[in-house]
Amino acid sequence: MGRPRECFLNAATLALRKPNIYMYVEGYAVNRWIAMHTVAHAWCINSDNFVVDPTWDEGTEYFGVPFRHDYLSRVLKARMDYGLIDNPEMDFPLVTGAHSVDEAVSQLA
């Protein structure tokens, strides 16, 4: 398990260390210890789309977007923080359209 409250770092590290096994996903998740509220979160999935959460062991529901490894790596090198969607340092390129969805999002089978 990675460090608590560092989900974006933990998931990115796992996905980039083992790119043939894990894909980085960012979105929202429910943690049963946080009164069943959704929170912004990051985790990984394996080739069977099974959630592998390096931060929580009590996550119950996940809804997110899988990102391409090359996009994850490129954006993390360009900014001073982790996370792809909430990215004020680069003026929110996924939200504004400065980065296309096709270059960022993985097309899962």
PDB file of N, CA and C in Angstrom:
ATOM      1  N   MET A   1       0.837  -1.187   0.000  1.00  0.00           N
ATOM      2  CA  MET A   1       0.000   0.000   0.000  1.00  0.00           C
ATOM      3  C   MET A   1       0.882   1.250   0.000  1.00  0.00           C
ATOM      4  N   GLY A   2       0.412   2.229  -0.751  1.00  0.00           N
ATOM      5  CA  GLY A   2       1.117   3.502  -0.797  1.00  0.00           C
ATOM      6  C   GLY A   2       0.745   4.363   0.392  1.00  0.00           C
ATOM      7  N   ARG A   3       1.279   5.563   0.391  1.00  0.00           N
ATOM      8  CA  ARG A   3       1.012   6.484   1.490  1.00  0.00           C
ATOM      9  C   ARG A   3      -0.436   6.963   1.479  1.00  0.00           C
ATOM     10  N   PRO A   4      -1.058   7.066   2.654  1.00  0.00           N
ATOM     11  CA  PRO A   4      -2.425   7.586   2.733  1.00  0.00           C
ATOM     12  C   PRO A   4      -2.505   9.001   2.163  1.00  0.00           C
ATOM     13  N   ARG A   5      -3.642   9.322   1.543  1.00  0.00           N
ATOM     14  CA  ARG A   5      -3.921  10.640   0.991  1.00  0.00           C
ATOM     15  C   ARG A   5      -3.012  11.010  -0.185  1.00  0.00           C
ATOM     16  N   GLU A   6      -2.358  10.042  -0.784  1.00  0.00           N
ATOM     17  CA  GLU A   6      -1.471  10.277  -1.936  1.00  0.00           C
ATOM     18  C   GLU A   6      -1.896   9.393  -3.104  1.00  0.00           C
ATOM     19  N   CYS A   7      -3.198   9.284  -3.331  1.00  0.00           N
ATOM     20  CA  CYS A   7      -3.702   8.333  -4.323  1.00  0.00           C
ATOM     21  C   CYS A   7      -3.189   8.608  -5.730  1.00  0.00           C
ATOM     22  N   PHE A   8      -3.083   9.865  -6.125  1.00  0.00           N
ATOM     23  CA  PHE A   8      -2.632  10.181  -7.483  1.00  0.00           C
ATOM     24  C   PHE A   8      -1.171   9.764  -7.661  1.00  0.00           C
ATOM     25  N   LEU A   9      -0.351  10.052  -6.684  1.00  0.00           N
ATOM     26  CA  LEU A   9       1.051   9.622  -6.694  1.00  0.00           C
ATOM     27  C   LEU A   9       1.153   8.100  -6.656  1.00  0.00           C
ATOM     28  N   ASN A  10       0.433   7.467  -5.749  1.00  0.00           N
ATOM     29  CA  ASN A  10       0.511   6.010  -5.593  1.00  0.00           C
ATOM     30  C   ASN A  10       0.097   5.285  -6.869  1.00  0.00           C
ATOM     31  N   ALA A  11      -1.019   5.688  -7.469  1.00  0.00           N
ATOM     32  CA  ALA A  11      -1.504   5.019  -8.674  1.00  0.00           C
ATOM     33  C   ALA A  11      -0.590   5.286  -9.866  1.00  0.00           C
ATOM     34  N   ALA A  12      -0.115   6.515 -10.015  1.00  0.00           N
ATOM     35  CA  ALA A  12       0.789   6.831 -11.126  1.00  0.00           C
ATOM     36  C   ALA A  12       2.087   6.047 -11.004  1.00  0.00           C
ATOM     37  N   THR A  13       2.612   5.955  -9.809  1.00  0.00           N
ATOM     38  CA  THR A  13       3.855   5.212  -9.589  1.00  0.00           C
ATOM     39  C   THR A  13       3.684   3.746  -9.962  1.00  0.00           C
ATOM     40  N   LEU A  14       2.597   3.133  -9.525  1.00  0.00           N
ATOM     41  CA  LEU A  14       2.353   1.732  -9.843  1.00  0.00           C
ATOM     42  C   LEU A  14       2.197   1.525 -11.347  1.00  0.00           C
ATOM     43  N   ALA A  15       1.395   2.361 -11.994  1.00  0.00           N
ATOM     44  CA  ALA A  15       1.149   2.211 -13.434  1.00  0.00           C
ATOM     45  C   ALA A  15       2.425   2.405 -14.252  1.00  0.00           C
ATOM     46  N   LEU A  16       3.248   3.358 -13.869  1.00  0.00           N
ATOM     47  CA  LEU A  16       4.466   3.621 -14.641  1.00  0.00           C
ATOM     48  C   LEU A  16       5.572   2.603 -14.346  1.00  0.00           C
ATOM     49  N   ARG A  17       5.575   2.033 -13.158  1.00  0.00           N
ATOM     50  CA  ARG A  17       6.572   0.999 -12.836  1.00  0.00           C
ATOM     51  C   ARG A  17       6.253  -0.332 -13.498  1.00  0.00           C
ATOM     52  N   LYS A  18       4.966  -0.607 -13.695  1.00  0.00           N
ATOM     53  CA  LYS A  18       4.545  -1.893 -14.274  1.00  0.00           C
ATOM     54  C   LYS A  18       3.519  -1.651 -15.389  1.00  0.00           C
ATOM     55  N   PRO A  19       3.947  -0.981 -16.479  1.00  0.00           N
ATOM     56  CA  PRO A  19       2.999  -0.602 -17.531  1.00  0.00           C
ATOM     57  C   PRO A  19       2.399  -1.776 -18.293  1.00  0.00           C
ATOM     58  N   ASN A  20       3.033  -2.924 -18.272  1.00  0.00           N
ATOM     59  CA  ASN A  20       2.473  -4.092 -18.945  1.00  0.00           C
ATOM     60  C   ASN A  20       1.393  -4.774 -18.112  1.00  0.00           C
ATOM     61  N   ILE A  21       1.272  -4.369 -16.859  1.00  0.00           N
ATOM     62  CA  ILE A  21       0.310  -4.999 -15.953  1.00  0.00           C
ATOM     63  C   ILE A  21      -0.818  -4.040 -15.565  1.00  0.00           C
ATOM     64  N   TYR A  22      -0.482  -2.764 -15.314  1.00  0.00           N
ATOM     65  CA  TYR A  22      -1.460  -1.825 -14.765  1.00  0.00           C
ATOM     66  C   TYR A  22      -1.660  -0.597 -15.643  1.00  0.00           C
ATOM     67  N   MET A  23      -2.887  -0.077 -15.606  1.00  0.00           N
ATOM     68  CA  MET A  23      -3.232   1.162 -16.276  1.00  0.00           C
ATOM     69  C   MET A  23      -3.729   2.141 -15.225  1.00  0.00           C
ATOM     70  N   TYR A  24      -3.319   3.387 -15.339  1.00  0.00           N
ATOM     71  CA  TYR A  24      -3.715   4.458 -14.427  1.00  0.00           C
ATOM     72  C   TYR A  24      -5.147   4.903 -14.730  1.00  0.00           C
ATOM     73  N   VAL A  25      -5.948   5.070 -13.678  1.00  0.00           N
ATOM     74  CA  VAL A  25      -7.330   5.527 -13.809  1.00  0.00           C
ATOM     75  C   VAL A  25      -7.568   6.658 -12.817  1.00  0.00           C
ATOM     76  N   GLU A  26      -8.288   7.662 -13.270  1.00  0.00           N
ATOM     77  CA  GLU A  26      -8.606   8.805 -12.422  1.00  0.00           C
ATOM     78  C   GLU A  26     -10.109   9.069 -12.509  1.00  0.00           C
ATOM     79  N   GLY A  27     -10.705   9.391 -11.398  1.00  0.00           N
ATOM     80  CA  GLY A  27     -12.141   9.679 -11.389  1.00  0.00           C
ATOM     81  C   GLY A  27     -12.648   9.841  -9.980  1.00  0.00           C
ATOM     82  N   TYR A  28     -13.727   9.113  -9.661  1.00  0.00           N
ATOM     83  CA  TYR A  28     -14.349   9.192  -8.348  1.00  0.00           C
ATOM     84  C   TYR A  28     -14.516   7.795  -7.778  1.00  0.00           C
ATOM     85  N   ALA A  29     -14.417   7.708  -6.471  1.00  0.00           N
ATOM     86  CA  ALA A  29     -14.577   6.426  -5.793  1.00  0.00           C
ATOM     87  C   ALA A  29     -15.305   6.638  -4.472  1.00  0.00           C
ATOM     88  N   VAL A  30     -15.859   5.546  -3.982  1.00  0.00           N
ATOM     89  CA  VAL A  30     -16.534   5.540  -2.685  1.00  0.00           C
ATOM     90  C   VAL A  30     -15.679   4.731  -1.728  1.00  0.00           C
ATOM     91  N   ASN A  31     -15.443   5.297  -0.567  1.00  0.00           N
ATOM     92  CA  ASN A  31     -14.693   4.640   0.491  1.00  0.00           C
ATOM     93  C   ASN A  31     -15.645   4.472   1.662  1.00  0.00           C
ATOM     94  N   ARG A  32     -15.841   3.250   2.111  1.00  0.00           N
ATOM     95  CA  ARG A  32     -16.855   3.016   3.150  1.00  0.00           C
ATOM     96  C   ARG A  32     -16.535   3.718   4.467  1.00  0.00           C
ATOM     97  N   TRP A  33     -15.312   4.182   4.648  1.00  0.00           N
ATOM     98  CA  TRP A  33     -14.949   4.883   5.879  1.00  0.00           C
ATOM     99  C   TRP A  33     -15.190   6.381   5.777  1.00  0.00           C
ATOM    100  N   ILE A  34     -15.560   6.864   4.593  1.00  0.00           N
ATOM    101  CA  ILE A  34     -15.824   8.294   4.408  1.00  0.00           C
ATOM    102  C   ILE A  34     -17.324   8.492   4.196  1.00  0.00           C
ATOM    103  N   ALA A  35     -18.121   7.862   5.008  1.00  0.00           N
ATOM    104  CA  ALA A  35     -19.585   8.023   5.037  1.00  0.00           C
ATOM    105  C   ALA A  35     -20.223   7.839   3.662  1.00  0.00           C
ATOM    106  N   MET A  36     -19.665   6.942   2.853  1.00  0.00           N
ATOM    107  CA  MET A  36     -20.224   6.596   1.554  1.00  0.00           C
ATOM    108  C   MET A  36     -20.369   7.776   0.593  1.00  0.00           C
ATOM    109  N   HIS A  37     -19.501   8.765   0.711  1.00  0.00           N
ATOM    110  CA  HIS A  37     -19.476   9.886  -0.226  1.00  0.00           C
ATOM    111  C   HIS A  37     -18.442   9.616  -1.306  1.00  0.00           C
ATOM    112  N   THR A  38     -18.715  10.107  -2.511  1.00  0.00           N
ATOM    113  CA  THR A  38     -17.717   9.984  -3.563  1.00  0.00           C
ATOM    114  C   THR A  38     -16.639  11.038  -3.363  1.00  0.00           C
ATOM    115  N   VAL A  39     -15.416  10.660  -3.684  1.00  0.00           N
ATOM    116  CA  VAL A  39     -14.297  11.587  -3.601  1.00  0.00           C
ATOM    117  C   VAL A  39     -13.442  11.427  -4.848  1.00  0.00           C
ATOM    118  N   ALA A  40     -12.774  12.496  -5.243  1.00  0.00           N
ATOM    119  CA  ALA A  40     -11.826  12.416  -6.343  1.00  0.00           C
ATOM    120  C   ALA A  40     -10.732  11.434  -5.930  1.00  0.00           C
ATOM    121  N   HIS A  41     -10.375  10.533  -6.847  1.00  0.00           N
ATOM    122  CA  HIS A  41      -9.457   9.462  -6.482  1.00  0.00           C
ATOM    123  C   HIS A  41      -8.729   8.950  -7.719  1.00  0.00           C
ATOM    124  N   ALA A  42      -7.639   8.252  -7.519  1.00  0.00           N
ATOM    125  CA  ALA A  42      -6.902   7.588  -8.599  1.00  0.00           C
ATOM    126  C   ALA A  42      -6.548   6.179  -8.149  1.00  0.00           C
ATOM    127  N   TRP A  43      -6.549   5.250  -9.106  1.00  0.00           N
ATOM    128  CA  TRP A  43      -6.254   3.845  -8.842  1.00  0.00           C
ATOM    129  C   TRP A  43      -5.737   3.232 -10.132  1.00  0.00           C
ATOM    130  N   CYS A  44      -5.510   1.966 -10.153  1.00  0.00           N
ATOM    131  CA  CYS A  44      -5.092   1.268 -11.364  1.00  0.00           C
ATOM    132  C   CYS A  44      -6.082   0.153 -11.673  1.00  0.00           C
ATOM    133  N   ILE A  45      -6.035  -0.321 -12.905  1.00  0.00           N
ATOM    134  CA  ILE A  45      -6.760  -1.518 -13.283  1.00  0.00           C
ATOM    135  C   ILE A  45      -5.783  -2.465 -13.955  1.00  0.00           C
ATOM    136  N   ASN A  46      -6.078  -3.754 -13.891  1.00  0.00           N
ATOM    137  CA  ASN A  46      -5.243  -4.725 -14.587  1.00  0.00           C
ATOM    138  C   ASN A  46      -5.882  -5.060 -15.931  1.00  0.00           C
ATOM    139  N   SER A  47      -5.341  -6.019 -16.649  1.00  0.00           N
ATOM    140  CA  SER A  47      -5.829  -6.347 -17.985  1.00  0.00           C
ATOM    141  C   SER A  47      -7.256  -6.898 -17.983  1.00  0.00           C
ATOM    142  N   ASP A  48      -7.739  -7.335 -16.846  1.00  0.00           N
ATOM    143  CA  ASP A  48      -9.122  -7.817 -16.728  1.00  0.00           C
ATOM    144  C   ASP A  48     -10.063  -6.704 -16.244  1.00  0.00           C
ATOM    145  N   ASN A  49      -9.569  -5.462 -16.214  1.00  0.00           N
ATOM    146  CA  ASN A  49     -10.322  -4.302 -15.705  1.00  0.00           C
ATOM    147  C   ASN A  49     -10.666  -4.432 -14.227  1.00  0.00           C
ATOM    148  N   PHE A  50      -9.883  -5.208 -13.501  1.00  0.00           N
ATOM    149  CA  PHE A  50     -10.052  -5.365 -12.058  1.00  0.00           C
ATOM    150  C   PHE A  50      -9.351  -4.211 -11.353  1.00  0.00           C
ATOM    151  N   VAL A  51     -10.041  -3.558 -10.426  1.00  0.00           N
ATOM    152  CA  VAL A  51      -9.460  -2.425  -9.699  1.00  0.00           C
ATOM    153  C   VAL A  51      -8.343  -2.896  -8.775  1.00  0.00           C
ATOM    154  N   VAL A  52      -7.212  -2.214  -8.886  1.00  0.00           N
ATOM    155  CA  VAL A  52      -6.079  -2.420  -7.988  1.00  0.00           C
ATOM    156  C   VAL A  52      -5.803  -1.048  -7.380  1.00  0.00           C
ATOM    157  N   ASP A  53      -6.175  -0.886  -6.129  1.00  0.00           N
ATOM    158  CA  ASP A  53      -6.073   0.412  -5.470  1.00  0.00           C
ATOM    159  C   ASP A  53      -4.871   0.415  -4.531  1.00  0.00           C
ATOM    160  N   PRO A  54      -3.800   1.127  -4.894  1.00  0.00           N
ATOM    161  CA  PRO A  54      -2.604   1.129  -4.058  1.00  0.00           C
ATOM    162  C   PRO A  54      -2.689   2.048  -2.838  1.00  0.00           C
ATOM    163  N   THR A  55      -3.821   2.707  -2.643  1.00  0.00           N
ATOM    164  CA  THR A  55      -3.972   3.628  -1.514  1.00  0.00           C
ATOM    165  C   THR A  55      -5.000   3.140  -0.507  1.00  0.00           C
ATOM    166  N   TRP A  56      -6.137   2.677  -0.976  1.00  0.00           N
ATOM    167  CA  TRP A  56      -7.219   2.232  -0.101  1.00  0.00           C
ATOM    168  C   TRP A  56      -7.355   0.718  -0.156  1.00  0.00           C
ATOM    169  N   ASP A  57      -7.722   0.152   0.959  1.00  0.00           N
ATOM    170  CA  ASP A  57      -8.158  -1.244   0.932  1.00  0.00           C
ATOM    171  C   ASP A  57      -9.650  -1.329   1.274  1.00  0.00           C
ATOM    172  N   GLU A  58     -10.286  -0.157   1.371  1.00  0.00           N
ATOM    173  CA  GLU A  58     -11.707  -0.145   1.719  1.00  0.00           C
ATOM    174  C   GLU A  58     -12.562   0.564   0.671  1.00  0.00           C
ATOM    175  N   GLY A  59     -12.067   0.683  -0.558  1.00  0.00           N
ATOM    176  CA  GLY A  59     -12.869   1.260  -1.628  1.00  0.00           C
ATOM    177  C   GLY A  59     -13.968   0.291  -2.040  1.00  0.00           C
ATOM    178  N   THR A  60     -15.151   0.820  -2.352  1.00  0.00           N
ATOM    179  CA  THR A  60     -16.264  -0.063  -2.703  1.00  0.00           C
ATOM    180  C   THR A  60     -16.788   0.154  -4.118  1.00  0.00           C
ATOM    181  N   GLU A  61     -16.761   1.355  -4.624  1.00  0.00           N
ATOM    182  CA  GLU A  61     -17.260   1.666  -5.961  1.00  0.00           C
ATOM    183  C   GLU A  61     -16.277   2.605  -6.639  1.00  0.00           C
ATOM    184  N   TYR A  62     -16.043   2.381  -7.930  1.00  0.00           N
ATOM    185  CA  TYR A  62     -15.092   3.191  -8.689  1.00  0.00           C
ATOM    186  C   TYR A  62     -15.702   3.587 -10.024  1.00  0.00           C
ATOM    187  N   PHE A  63     -15.541   4.849 -10.423  1.00  0.00           N
ATOM    188  CA  PHE A  63     -15.984   5.322 -11.719  1.00  0.00           C
ATOM    189  C   PHE A  63     -14.917   6.270 -12.234  1.00  0.00           C
ATOM    190  N   GLY A  64     -14.257   5.899 -13.314  1.00  0.00           N
ATOM    191  CA  GLY A  64     -13.166   6.739 -13.777  1.00  0.00           C
ATOM    192  C   GLY A  64     -12.790   6.515 -15.223  1.00  0.00           C
ATOM    193  N   VAL A  65     -11.734   7.194 -15.629  1.00  0.00           N
ATOM    194  CA  VAL A  65     -11.236   7.195 -16.991  1.00  0.00           C
ATOM    195  C   VAL A  65      -9.818   6.622 -16.993  1.00  0.00           C
ATOM    196  N   PRO A  66      -9.563   5.589 -17.812  1.00  0.00           N
ATOM    197  CA  PRO A  66      -8.205   5.049 -17.922  1.00  0.00           C
ATOM    198  C   PRO A  66      -7.362   5.917 -18.861  1.00  0.00           C
ATOM    199  N   PHE A  67      -6.152   6.218 -18.445  1.00  0.00           N
ATOM    200  CA  PHE A  67      -5.276   7.090 -19.229  1.00  0.00           C
ATOM    201  C   PHE A  67      -4.118   6.315 -19.838  1.00  0.00           C
ATOM    202  N   ARG A  68      -3.697   6.776 -20.997  1.00  0.00           N
ATOM    203  CA  ARG A  68      -2.557   6.183 -21.686  1.00  0.00           C
ATOM    204  C   ARG A  68      -1.284   6.439 -20.882  1.00  0.00           C
ATOM    205  N   HIS A  69      -0.383   5.460 -20.868  1.00  0.00           N
ATOM    206  CA  HIS A  69       0.876   5.604 -20.130  1.00  0.00           C
ATOM    207  C   HIS A  69       1.711   6.764 -20.656  1.00  0.00           C
ATOM    208  N   ASP A  70       1.771   6.934 -21.982  1.00  0.00           N
ATOM    209  CA  ASP A  70       2.583   8.016 -22.530  1.00  0.00           C
ATOM    210  C   ASP A  70       2.033   9.387 -22.139  1.00  0.00           C
ATOM    211  N   TYR A  71       0.721   9.521 -22.092  1.00  0.00           N
ATOM    212  CA  TYR A  71       0.125  10.788 -21.672  1.00  0.00           C
ATOM    213  C   TYR A  71       0.390  11.039 -20.185  1.00  0.00           C
ATOM    214  N   LEU A  72       0.192  10.028 -19.367  1.00  0.00           N
ATOM    215  CA  LEU A  72       0.464  10.143 -17.932  1.00  0.00           C
ATOM    216  C   LEU A  72       1.900  10.591 -17.697  1.00  0.00           C
ATOM    217  N   SER A  73       2.835   9.947 -18.332  1.00  0.00           N
ATOM    218  CA  SER A  73       4.246  10.268 -18.155  1.00  0.00           C
ATOM    219  C   SER A  73       4.561  11.690 -18.607  1.00  0.00           C
ATOM    220  N   ARG A  74       4.052  12.069 -19.761  1.00  0.00           N
ATOM    221  CA  ARG A  74       4.324  13.403 -20.319  1.00  0.00           C
ATOM    222  C   ARG A  74       3.777  14.512 -19.434  1.00  0.00           C
ATOM    223  N   VAL A  75       2.543  14.367 -18.958  1.00  0.00           N
ATOM    224  CA  VAL A  75       1.941  15.410 -18.129  1.00  0.00           C
ATOM    225  C   VAL A  75       2.624  15.490 -16.765  1.00  0.00           C
ATOM    226  N   LEU A  76       2.946  14.353 -16.176  1.00  0.00           N
ATOM    227  CA  LEU A  76       3.605  14.391 -14.866  1.00  0.00           C
ATOM    228  C   LEU A  76       4.981  15.036 -14.940  1.00  0.00           C
ATOM    229  N   LYS A  77       5.668  14.884 -16.055  1.00  0.00           N
ATOM    230  CA  LYS A  77       6.972  15.552 -16.222  1.00  0.00           C
ATOM    231  C   LYS A  77       6.815  17.060 -16.389  1.00  0.00           C
ATOM    232  N   ALA A  78       5.668  17.493 -16.906  1.00  0.00           N
ATOM    233  CA  ALA A  78       5.450  18.903 -17.193  1.00  0.00           C
ATOM    234  C   ALA A  78       4.899  19.707 -16.021  1.00  0.00           C
ATOM    235  N   ARG A  79       4.383  19.026 -15.007  1.00  0.00           N
ATOM    236  CA  ARG A  79       3.804  19.768 -13.887  1.00  0.00           C
ATOM    237  C   ARG A  79       4.480  19.410 -12.574  1.00  0.00           C
ATOM    238  N   MET A  80       4.147  20.130 -11.538  1.00  0.00           N
ATOM    239  CA  MET A  80       4.794  19.946 -10.242  1.00  0.00           C
ATOM    240  C   MET A  80       3.947  19.148  -9.266  1.00  0.00           C
ATOM    241  N   ASP A  81       2.883  18.505  -9.767  1.00  0.00           N
ATOM    242  CA  ASP A  81       1.976  17.780  -8.899  1.00  0.00           C
ATOM    243  C   ASP A  81       1.424  16.586  -9.663  1.00  0.00           C
ATOM    244  N   TYR A  82       0.687  15.721  -8.981  1.00  0.00           N
ATOM    245  CA  TYR A  82       0.092  14.554  -9.607  1.00  0.00           C
ATOM    246  C   TYR A  82      -1.374  14.804  -9.891  1.00  0.00           C
ATOM    247  N   GLY A  83      -1.918  14.030 -10.797  1.00  0.00           N
ATOM    248  CA  GLY A  83      -3.305  14.164 -11.210  1.00  0.00           C
ATOM    249  C   GLY A  83      -3.363  14.735 -12.615  1.00  0.00           C
ATOM    250  N   LEU A  84      -4.304  14.238 -13.410  1.00  0.00           N
ATOM    251  CA  LEU A  84      -4.407  14.668 -14.802  1.00  0.00           C
ATOM    252  C   LEU A  84      -5.616  15.541 -15.074  1.00  0.00           C
ATOM    253  N   ILE A  85      -6.745  15.230 -14.484  1.00  0.00           N
ATOM    254  CA  ILE A  85      -7.960  15.985 -14.774  1.00  0.00           C
ATOM    255  C   ILE A  85      -7.933  17.343 -14.076  1.00  0.00           C
ATOM    256  N   ASP A  86      -7.675  17.358 -12.784  1.00  0.00           N
ATOM    257  CA  ASP A  86      -7.595  18.612 -12.020  1.00  0.00           C
ATOM    258  C   ASP A  86      -6.159  19.120 -12.126  1.00  0.00           C
ATOM    259  N   ASN A  87      -5.898  19.919 -13.157  1.00  0.00           N
ATOM    260  CA  ASN A  87      -4.538  20.313 -13.487  1.00  0.00           C
ATOM    261  C   ASN A  87      -4.451  21.830 -13.705  1.00  0.00           C
ATOM    262  N   PRO A  88      -4.476  22.616 -12.621  1.00  0.00           N
ATOM    263  CA  PRO A  88      -4.434  24.068 -12.781  1.00  0.00           C
ATOM    264  C   PRO A  88      -3.097  24.593 -13.300  1.00  0.00           C
ATOM    265  N   GLU A  89      -1.992  23.875 -13.033  1.00  0.00           N
ATOM    266  CA  GLU A  89      -0.679  24.347 -13.493  1.00  0.00           C
ATOM    267  C   GLU A  89      -0.596  24.464 -15.008  1.00  0.00           C
ATOM    268  N   MET A  90      -1.370  23.631 -15.709  1.00  0.00           N
ATOM    269  CA  MET A  90      -1.362  23.647 -17.170  1.00  0.00           C
ATOM    270  C   MET A  90      -2.686  24.185 -17.724  1.00  0.00           C
ATOM    271  N   ASP A  91      -3.435  24.917 -16.895  1.00  0.00           N
ATOM    272  CA  ASP A  91      -4.727  25.507 -17.270  1.00  0.00           C
ATOM    273  C   ASP A  91      -5.756  24.458 -17.698  1.00  0.00           C
ATOM    274  N   PHE A  92      -5.802  23.343 -16.989  1.00  0.00           N
ATOM    275  CA  PHE A  92      -6.819  22.301 -17.187  1.00  0.00           C
ATOM    276  C   PHE A  92      -6.934  21.861 -18.649  1.00  0.00           C
ATOM    277  N   PRO A  93      -5.867  21.314 -19.230  1.00  0.00           N
ATOM    278  CA  PRO A  93      -5.873  21.015 -20.666  1.00  0.00           C
ATOM    279  C   PRO A  93      -6.912  19.993 -21.111  1.00  0.00           C
ATOM    280  N   LEU A  94      -7.286  19.055 -20.267  1.00  0.00           N
ATOM    281  CA  LEU A  94      -8.318  18.095 -20.662  1.00  0.00           C
ATOM    282  C   LEU A  94      -9.707  18.728 -20.653  1.00  0.00           C
ATOM    283  N   VAL A  95      -9.921  19.661 -19.758  1.00  0.00           N
ATOM    284  CA  VAL A  95     -11.221  20.322 -19.648  1.00  0.00           C
ATOM    285  C   VAL A  95     -11.387  21.379 -20.748  1.00  0.00           C
ATOM    286  N   THR A  96     -10.314  22.096 -21.053  1.00  0.00           N
ATOM    287  CA  THR A  96     -10.396  23.175 -22.048  1.00  0.00           C
ATOM    288  C   THR A  96     -10.258  22.679 -23.479  1.00  0.00           C
ATOM    289  N   GLY A  97      -9.784  21.453 -23.655  1.00  0.00           N
ATOM    290  CA  GLY A  97      -9.581  20.926 -25.003  1.00  0.00           C
ATOM    291  C   GLY A  97      -8.188  21.162 -25.541  1.00  0.00           C
ATOM    292  N   ALA A  98      -7.296  21.748 -24.736  1.00  0.00           N
ATOM    293  CA  ALA A  98      -5.916  21.945 -25.188  1.00  0.00           C
ATOM    294  C   ALA A  98      -5.229  20.610 -25.459  1.00  0.00           C
ATOM    295  N   HIS A  99      -5.605  19.579 -24.719  1.00  0.00           N
ATOM    296  CA  HIS A  99      -5.156  18.210 -24.988  1.00  0.00           C
ATOM    297  C   HIS A  99      -6.366  17.416 -25.449  1.00  0.00           C
ATOM    298  N   SER A 100      -6.216  16.708 -26.539  1.00  0.00           N
ATOM    299  CA  SER A 100      -7.365  15.949 -27.039  1.00  0.00           C
ATOM    300  C   SER A 100      -7.587  14.688 -26.201  1.00  0.00           C
ATOM    301  N   VAL A 101      -8.824  14.278 -26.139  1.00  0.00           N
ATOM    302  CA  VAL A 101      -9.179  13.061 -25.411  1.00  0.00           C
ATOM    303  C   VAL A 101      -8.470  11.863 -26.046  1.00  0.00           C
ATOM    304  N   ASP A 102      -8.376  11.845 -27.363  1.00  0.00           N
ATOM    305  CA  ASP A 102      -7.732  10.706 -28.051  1.00  0.00           C
ATOM    306  C   ASP A 102      -6.272  10.517 -27.640  1.00  0.00           C
ATOM    307  N   GLU A 103      -5.557  11.613 -27.373  1.00  0.00           N
ATOM    308  CA  GLU A 103      -4.161  11.466 -26.964  1.00  0.00           C
ATOM    309  C   GLU A 103      -4.006  11.083 -25.495  1.00  0.00           C
ATOM    310  N   ALA A 104      -5.072  11.280 -24.716  1.00  0.00           N
ATOM    311  CA  ALA A 104      -4.984  11.056 -23.274  1.00  0.00           C
ATOM    312  C   ALA A 104      -5.603   9.762 -22.784  1.00  0.00           C
ATOM    313  N   VAL A 105      -6.748   9.426 -23.330  1.00  0.00           N
ATOM    314  CA  VAL A 105      -7.548   8.330 -22.793  1.00  0.00           C
ATOM    315  C   VAL A 105      -7.246   7.029 -23.506  1.00  0.00           C
ATOM    316  N   SER A 106      -7.112   5.980 -22.715  1.00  0.00           N
ATOM    317  CA  SER A 106      -6.854   4.650 -23.260  1.00  0.00           C
ATOM    318  C   SER A 106      -8.151   4.053 -23.786  1.00  0.00           C
ATOM    319  N   GLN A 107      -8.069   3.417 -24.923  1.00  0.00           N
ATOM    320  CA  GLN A 107      -9.221   2.729 -25.504  1.00  0.00           C
ATOM    321  C   GLN A 107      -9.152   1.269 -25.062  1.00  0.00           C
ATOM    322  N   LEU A 108      -9.955   0.920 -24.080  1.00  0.00           N
ATOM    323  CA  LEU A 108      -9.953  -0.449 -23.572  1.00  0.00           C
ATOM    324  C   LEU A 108     -10.778  -1.352 -24.477  1.00  0.00           C
ATOM    325  N   ALA A 109     -10.378  -2.606 -24.513  1.00  0.00           N
ATOM    326  CA  ALA A 109     -11.119  -3.567 -25.329  1.00  0.00           C
ATOM    327  C   ALA A 109     -12.386  -3.982 -24.636  1.00  0.00           C
TER     328      ALA A 109
END
